[in-house]
N, C-alpha and C. Protein backbone atom coordinates (compact mmCIF):
# COMPACT_ATOMS: atom_id res chain seq x y z
N MET A 1 -13.59 -13.04 3.75
CA MET A 1 -12.32 -12.69 3.14
C MET A 1 -12.39 -13.07 1.66
N ASN A 2 -12.04 -12.11 0.80
CA ASN A 2 -12.11 -12.44 -0.62
C ASN A 2 -10.80 -13.06 -1.10
N ASP A 3 -10.82 -13.62 -2.31
CA ASP A 3 -9.66 -14.32 -2.85
C ASP A 3 -8.45 -13.42 -3.04
N ALA A 4 -8.68 -12.13 -3.32
CA ALA A 4 -7.57 -11.21 -3.55
C ALA A 4 -6.68 -11.12 -2.32
N LYS A 5 -7.27 -11.08 -1.15
CA LYS A 5 -6.48 -10.98 0.08
C LYS A 5 -5.58 -12.19 0.27
N LEU A 6 -6.01 -13.33 -0.19
CA LEU A 6 -5.23 -14.54 -0.01
C LEU A 6 -3.96 -14.54 -0.85
N THR A 7 -3.94 -13.76 -1.92
CA THR A 7 -2.80 -13.77 -2.82
C THR A 7 -1.90 -12.55 -2.65
N LEU A 8 -2.19 -11.68 -1.70
CA LEU A 8 -1.39 -10.49 -1.49
C LEU A 8 -0.05 -10.82 -0.86
N SER A 9 0.96 -10.06 -1.24
CA SER A 9 2.26 -10.21 -0.60
C SER A 9 2.17 -9.71 0.84
N PHE A 10 3.14 -10.09 1.65
CA PHE A 10 3.20 -9.67 3.05
C PHE A 10 3.21 -8.14 3.15
N CYS A 11 4.01 -7.50 2.33
CA CYS A 11 4.13 -6.04 2.36
C CYS A 11 2.83 -5.37 1.93
N ALA A 12 2.18 -5.90 0.91
CA ALA A 12 0.91 -5.34 0.45
C ALA A 12 -0.16 -5.49 1.52
N GLN A 13 -0.17 -6.61 2.20
CA GLN A 13 -1.15 -6.83 3.27
C GLN A 13 -0.94 -5.85 4.42
N ASN A 14 0.31 -5.53 4.72
CA ASN A 14 0.60 -4.56 5.79
C ASN A 14 0.05 -3.18 5.45
N ILE A 15 0.21 -2.76 4.21
CA ILE A 15 -0.32 -1.46 3.79
C ILE A 15 -1.84 -1.48 3.82
N LEU A 16 -2.45 -2.54 3.33
CA LEU A 16 -3.91 -2.64 3.33
C LEU A 16 -4.46 -2.64 4.75
N ASP A 17 -3.80 -3.34 5.65
CA ASP A 17 -4.24 -3.37 7.05
C ASP A 17 -4.20 -1.98 7.68
N GLU A 18 -3.14 -1.23 7.39
CA GLU A 18 -3.04 0.14 7.93
C GLU A 18 -4.14 1.02 7.34
N LEU A 19 -4.41 0.87 6.08
CA LEU A 19 -5.45 1.65 5.44
C LEU A 19 -6.81 1.38 6.07
N LYS A 20 -7.06 0.14 6.43
CA LYS A 20 -8.35 -0.23 7.05
C LYS A 20 -8.50 0.37 8.44
N ARG A 21 -7.41 0.72 9.09
CA ARG A 21 -7.48 1.33 10.42
C ARG A 21 -7.97 2.77 10.37
N HIS A 22 -7.93 3.38 9.20
CA HIS A 22 -8.36 4.76 9.04
C HIS A 22 -9.84 4.79 8.72
N LYS A 23 -10.59 5.48 9.56
CA LYS A 23 -12.04 5.50 9.40
C LYS A 23 -12.49 6.14 8.09
N ASP A 24 -11.73 7.12 7.62
CA ASP A 24 -12.12 7.78 6.37
C ASP A 24 -11.67 7.01 5.13
N ARG A 25 -10.98 5.89 5.34
CA ARG A 25 -10.51 4.99 4.27
C ARG A 25 -9.52 5.66 3.33
N ILE A 26 -8.85 6.71 3.84
CA ILE A 26 -7.83 7.40 3.06
C ILE A 26 -6.55 7.46 3.88
N LEU A 27 -5.45 7.10 3.26
CA LEU A 27 -4.15 7.15 3.91
C LEU A 27 -3.27 8.11 3.12
N LYS A 28 -2.82 9.15 3.80
CA LYS A 28 -1.90 10.11 3.19
C LYS A 28 -0.57 9.95 3.91
N SER A 29 0.44 9.55 3.16
CA SER A 29 1.69 9.21 3.80
C SER A 29 2.87 9.50 2.89
N ARG A 30 3.99 9.84 3.51
CA ARG A 30 5.22 10.02 2.76
C ARG A 30 5.72 8.68 2.26
N GLU A 31 6.46 8.71 1.20
CA GLU A 31 6.99 7.49 0.60
C GLU A 31 7.83 6.68 1.60
N ASP A 32 8.70 7.34 2.32
CA ASP A 32 9.55 6.65 3.29
C ASP A 32 8.73 5.99 4.40
N ASP A 33 7.66 6.66 4.84
CA ASP A 33 6.81 6.08 5.87
C ASP A 33 6.07 4.84 5.37
N LEU A 34 5.66 4.87 4.12
CA LEU A 34 5.00 3.69 3.54
C LEU A 34 5.96 2.51 3.42
N ILE A 35 7.20 2.81 3.10
CA ILE A 35 8.21 1.75 3.02
C ILE A 35 8.39 1.10 4.38
N LYS A 36 8.47 1.91 5.43
CA LYS A 36 8.59 1.37 6.79
C LYS A 36 7.34 0.58 7.18
N LEU A 37 6.19 1.13 6.84
CA LEU A 37 4.91 0.49 7.15
C LEU A 37 4.78 -0.88 6.50
N SER A 38 5.28 -1.00 5.29
CA SER A 38 5.16 -2.27 4.57
C SER A 38 6.09 -3.35 5.14
N LYS A 39 7.07 -2.91 5.92
CA LYS A 39 8.03 -3.81 6.57
C LYS A 39 8.92 -4.56 5.57
N MET A 40 9.34 -3.83 4.54
CA MET A 40 10.32 -4.39 3.61
C MET A 40 11.63 -4.53 4.36
N GLN A 41 12.36 -5.58 4.06
CA GLN A 41 13.60 -5.80 4.79
C GLN A 41 14.77 -6.03 3.85
N GLY A 42 15.91 -5.51 4.24
CA GLY A 42 17.16 -5.82 3.59
C GLY A 42 17.34 -5.29 2.18
N ILE A 43 16.68 -4.18 1.83
CA ILE A 43 16.90 -3.63 0.50
C ILE A 43 17.25 -2.15 0.61
N ARG A 44 17.95 -1.66 -0.39
CA ARG A 44 18.34 -0.26 -0.42
C ARG A 44 17.15 0.62 -0.75
N ILE A 45 17.27 1.91 -0.47
CA ILE A 45 16.15 2.83 -0.61
C ILE A 45 15.64 2.91 -2.05
N ILE A 46 16.53 2.89 -3.02
CA ILE A 46 16.09 2.96 -4.42
C ILE A 46 15.27 1.72 -4.77
N GLU A 47 15.74 0.56 -4.34
CA GLU A 47 14.99 -0.68 -4.57
C GLU A 47 13.68 -0.66 -3.82
N ALA A 48 13.68 -0.11 -2.61
CA ALA A 48 12.47 -0.05 -1.79
C ALA A 48 11.42 0.83 -2.46
N ARG A 49 11.84 1.93 -3.05
CA ARG A 49 10.89 2.80 -3.74
C ARG A 49 10.26 2.10 -4.94
N GLU A 50 11.06 1.36 -5.67
CA GLU A 50 10.53 0.60 -6.81
C GLU A 50 9.58 -0.49 -6.32
N GLN A 51 9.97 -1.15 -5.23
CA GLN A 51 9.13 -2.20 -4.66
C GLN A 51 7.81 -1.64 -4.14
N LEU A 52 7.85 -0.44 -3.55
CA LEU A 52 6.63 0.19 -3.06
C LEU A 52 5.64 0.41 -4.21
N LYS A 53 6.12 0.89 -5.32
CA LYS A 53 5.25 1.09 -6.49
C LYS A 53 4.65 -0.24 -6.94
N THR A 54 5.45 -1.28 -6.93
CA THR A 54 4.97 -2.62 -7.30
C THR A 54 3.87 -3.08 -6.33
N ILE A 55 4.07 -2.84 -5.06
CA ILE A 55 3.09 -3.23 -4.03
C ILE A 55 1.79 -2.48 -4.24
N LEU A 56 1.88 -1.17 -4.45
CA LEU A 56 0.66 -0.38 -4.66
C LEU A 56 -0.05 -0.80 -5.95
N ASP A 57 0.71 -1.11 -6.97
CA ASP A 57 0.09 -1.60 -8.21
C ASP A 57 -0.59 -2.95 -7.99
N GLU A 58 0.00 -3.78 -7.16
CA GLU A 58 -0.60 -5.08 -6.81
C GLU A 58 -1.96 -4.88 -6.15
N LEU A 59 -2.03 -3.96 -5.20
CA LEU A 59 -3.30 -3.68 -4.53
C LEU A 59 -4.32 -3.08 -5.50
N LYS A 60 -3.84 -2.23 -6.38
CA LYS A 60 -4.73 -1.61 -7.37
C LYS A 60 -5.27 -2.65 -8.35
N GLU A 61 -4.43 -3.58 -8.78
CA GLU A 61 -4.86 -4.62 -9.71
C GLU A 61 -5.94 -5.51 -9.11
N HIS A 62 -5.91 -5.68 -7.79
CA HIS A 62 -6.93 -6.49 -7.10
C HIS A 62 -8.17 -5.66 -6.77
N ASN A 63 -8.21 -4.41 -7.26
CA ASN A 63 -9.34 -3.50 -7.02
C ASN A 63 -9.58 -3.26 -5.53
N LEU A 64 -8.50 -3.16 -4.77
CA LEU A 64 -8.61 -2.88 -3.35
C LEU A 64 -8.35 -1.41 -3.04
N ILE A 65 -7.53 -0.76 -3.85
CA ILE A 65 -7.20 0.64 -3.62
C ILE A 65 -7.12 1.39 -4.94
N THR A 66 -7.10 2.69 -4.81
CA THR A 66 -6.66 3.58 -5.87
C THR A 66 -5.65 4.50 -5.20
N TYR A 67 -4.68 4.98 -5.95
CA TYR A 67 -3.68 5.85 -5.34
C TYR A 67 -3.13 6.84 -6.33
N GLU A 68 -2.55 7.89 -5.79
CA GLU A 68 -1.83 8.85 -6.60
C GLU A 68 -0.70 9.41 -5.76
N LYS A 69 0.31 9.90 -6.44
CA LYS A 69 1.45 10.50 -5.75
C LYS A 69 1.43 11.99 -6.04
N LYS A 70 1.42 12.76 -4.97
CA LYS A 70 1.47 14.22 -5.08
C LYS A 70 2.69 14.70 -4.32
N GLY A 71 3.67 15.18 -5.08
CA GLY A 71 4.91 15.59 -4.44
C GLY A 71 5.57 14.40 -3.79
N GLY A 72 5.89 14.52 -2.52
CA GLY A 72 6.53 13.44 -1.79
C GLY A 72 5.56 12.54 -1.03
N ARG A 73 4.27 12.73 -1.26
CA ARG A 73 3.26 11.96 -0.53
C ARG A 73 2.42 11.10 -1.46
N TYR A 74 2.03 9.97 -0.92
CA TYR A 74 1.06 9.11 -1.60
C TYR A 74 -0.29 9.32 -0.94
N ILE A 75 -1.32 9.37 -1.74
CA ILE A 75 -2.69 9.40 -1.25
C ILE A 75 -3.31 8.09 -1.71
N ILE A 76 -3.65 7.25 -0.74
CA ILE A 76 -4.17 5.91 -1.02
C ILE A 76 -5.61 5.85 -0.51
N ILE A 77 -6.51 5.41 -1.37
CA ILE A 77 -7.93 5.34 -1.01
C ILE A 77 -8.38 3.89 -1.08
N ASN A 78 -8.99 3.43 0.00
CA ASN A 78 -9.51 2.06 0.08
C ASN A 78 -10.84 2.02 -0.67
N ILE A 79 -10.89 1.22 -1.74
CA ILE A 79 -12.13 1.08 -2.50
C ILE A 79 -12.78 -0.27 -2.27
N GLU A 80 -12.18 -1.07 -1.40
CA GLU A 80 -12.72 -2.38 -1.06
C GLU A 80 -14.04 -2.20 -0.33
N ARG A 81 -14.98 -3.03 -0.59
CA ARG A 81 -16.31 -2.90 -0.01
C ARG A 81 -16.40 -3.42 1.43
N ASN A 82 -15.51 -4.30 1.85
CA ASN A 82 -15.60 -4.88 3.20
C ASN A 82 -14.92 -4.02 4.22
């Protein structure tokens, strides 16, 4: 386990764990589905969307993923070596 994983938020870890379950290391998901997947609690949808972007940026900063948004879907690619 690398140091980046130890500092990830709970929500970021949930998204990373789901991404690792995909053999092709690519997760294509709607924004609302990613919010549910991350298990954010007690926030409104607008706040959740902003938080989702923060979570994805957190994973990107740790060089674990790259992502892009196309229309209403996020395409997240696992670039982690493990």
